[in-house]
Amino acid sequence: MQSVVEWALEQSEQAPTTPNEEWTMRQLGRGLLLVTLIAIGGCAELSETQQRTLTGGTAGAAGGALIGAIAGNAGLGAAIGAGSGLLGGYLYGQHEASKRDAYLKGVSNGYNQAQQQSG
């Protein structure tokens, strides 16, 4: 059975383009594949907040680069998008952590009250 990596490399080599575009598309495809594999493997030891921060930064950079490319400066757009994505991901991670902590505190308090009433 063919792995995802082999399939992606095969597809990038089969794309019919002009010689200049072919080199660019192949390099872009391999670069994106490498970044994706590193990102997937690199998140294993991160906390949920760290994962959300990294995801927000990555998504922000991609969106910023896309908007920046349309506006004429992809690098600046990626930098602005990455910064805002990192901040948004971090804040969302902190919000979710506080919700989880409040839930666990409520469960613990309920358990303690039940133990006091039955004991």
Protein backbone atom coordinates (compact mmCIF):
# COMPACT_ATOMS: atom_id res chain seq x y z
CA MET A 1 0.00 0.00 0.00
CA GLN A 2 1.30 3.44 -0.93
CA SER A 3 1.95 5.88 1.90
CA VAL A 4 0.58 9.41 1.92
CA VAL A 5 4.09 10.83 1.54
CA GLU A 6 4.84 8.69 -1.50
CA TRP A 7 1.50 9.60 -3.07
CA ALA A 8 2.05 13.34 -2.52
CA LEU A 9 5.53 13.20 -4.00
CA GLU A 10 4.25 11.22 -6.98
CA GLN A 11 1.46 13.72 -7.57
CA SER A 12 3.84 16.67 -7.36
CA GLU A 13 6.07 15.09 -9.98
CA GLN A 14 3.18 14.41 -12.39
CA ALA A 15 1.77 17.95 -12.52
CA PRO A 16 1.87 19.20 -16.13
CA THR A 17 3.27 22.75 -16.06
CA THR A 18 5.87 24.86 -17.75
CA PRO A 19 9.48 24.15 -16.68
CA ASN A 20 9.69 27.20 -14.43
CA GLU A 21 6.30 26.57 -12.79
CA GLU A 22 7.06 22.87 -12.46
CA TRP A 23 10.11 23.53 -10.30
CA THR A 24 8.20 26.04 -8.16
CA MET A 25 5.16 23.79 -7.70
CA ARG A 26 7.31 20.77 -6.86
CA GLN A 27 9.31 22.73 -4.30
CA LEU A 28 6.15 24.24 -2.83
CA GLY A 29 4.47 20.83 -2.58
CA ARG A 30 7.46 19.25 -0.89
CA GLY A 31 7.85 22.20 1.45
CA LEU A 32 4.21 22.08 2.50
CA LEU A 33 4.41 18.33 2.99
CA LEU A 34 7.50 18.67 5.17
CA VAL A 35 5.98 21.45 7.27
CA THR A 36 2.79 19.42 7.76
CA LEU A 37 4.67 16.31 8.86
CA ILE A 38 6.83 18.28 11.29
CA ALA A 39 3.80 20.08 12.71
CA ILE A 40 1.89 16.85 13.25
CA GLY A 41 4.84 15.13 14.92
CA GLY A 42 5.87 18.18 16.94
CA CYS A 43 2.55 18.65 18.77
CA ALA A 44 2.69 15.39 20.72
CA GLU A 45 4.25 16.79 23.89
CA LEU A 46 2.50 20.18 23.93
CA SER A 47 -0.28 21.20 26.32
CA GLU A 48 -3.70 22.00 24.90
CA THR A 49 -3.05 25.75 25.21
CA GLN A 50 0.30 25.40 23.43
CA GLN A 51 -1.32 23.37 20.66
CA ARG A 52 -4.05 25.97 20.21
CA THR A 53 -1.48 28.76 20.18
CA LEU A 54 0.58 26.98 17.52
CA THR A 55 -2.50 26.18 15.45
CA GLY A 56 -3.69 29.78 15.67
CA GLY A 57 -0.29 31.08 14.62
CA THR A 58 -0.08 28.69 11.69
CA ALA A 59 -3.60 29.42 10.49
CA GLY A 60 -3.05 33.15 10.96
CA ALA A 61 0.18 33.06 8.97
CA ALA A 62 -1.47 31.14 6.14
CA GLY A 63 -4.47 33.47 6.04
CA GLY A 64 -2.27 36.54 6.35
CA ALA A 65 -0.01 35.34 3.53
CA LEU A 66 -3.03 34.76 1.32
CA ILE A 67 -4.50 38.19 2.01
CA GLY A 68 -1.05 39.77 1.79
CA ALA A 69 -0.45 38.13 -1.59
CA ILE A 70 -3.66 39.65 -2.87
CA ALA A 71 -2.70 43.04 -1.43
CA GLY A 72 0.86 42.82 -2.76
CA ASN A 73 3.02 41.83 0.23
CA ALA A 74 2.64 38.20 1.32
CA GLY A 75 5.50 38.36 3.84
CA LEU A 76 4.01 41.26 5.78
CA GLY A 77 0.58 39.65 5.66
CA ALA A 78 1.98 36.39 7.00
CA ALA A 79 3.79 38.17 9.82
CA ILE A 80 0.70 40.11 10.87
CA GLY A 81 -1.50 37.02 10.51
CA ALA A 82 0.90 34.88 12.54
CA GLY A 83 1.01 37.41 15.36
CA SER A 84 -2.74 37.81 15.56
CA GLY A 85 -3.24 34.04 15.18
CA LEU A 86 -0.80 33.31 18.00
CA LEU A 87 -2.56 35.77 20.28
CA GLY A 88 -6.00 34.45 19.35
CA GLY A 89 -4.94 30.83 19.79
CA TYR A 90 -3.37 31.56 23.17
CA LEU A 91 -6.41 33.45 24.45
CA TYR A 92 -8.76 30.70 23.25
CA GLY A 93 -6.55 28.07 24.94
CA GLN A 94 -6.62 30.00 28.21
CA HIS A 95 -10.41 30.36 27.99
CA GLU A 96 -10.87 26.62 27.42
CA ALA A 97 -8.48 25.81 30.30
CA SER A 98 -10.43 28.06 32.67
CA LYS A 99 -13.70 26.37 31.63
CA ARG A 100 -12.17 22.94 32.27
CA ASP A 101 -10.81 24.05 35.66
CA ALA A 102 -14.21 25.48 36.69
CA TYR A 103 -15.92 22.24 35.67
CA LEU A 104 -13.46 20.10 37.63
CA LYS A 105 -13.81 22.36 40.68
CA GLY A 106 -17.60 22.02 40.51
CA VAL A 107 -17.36 18.22 40.25
CA SER A 108 -14.99 18.12 43.21
CA ASN A 109 -17.23 20.38 45.32
CA GLY A 110 -20.28 18.28 44.47
CA TYR A 111 -18.45 15.09 45.41
CA ASN A 112 -17.31 16.59 48.72
CA GLN A 113 -20.84 17.74 49.57
CA ALA A 114 -22.24 14.31 48.80
CA GLN A 115 -19.61 12.69 51.02
CA GLN A 116 -20.42 15.06 53.91
CA GLN A 117 -24.17 14.41 53.66
CA SER A 118 -23.82 10.65 53.51
CA GLY A 119 -21.13 10.42 56.14
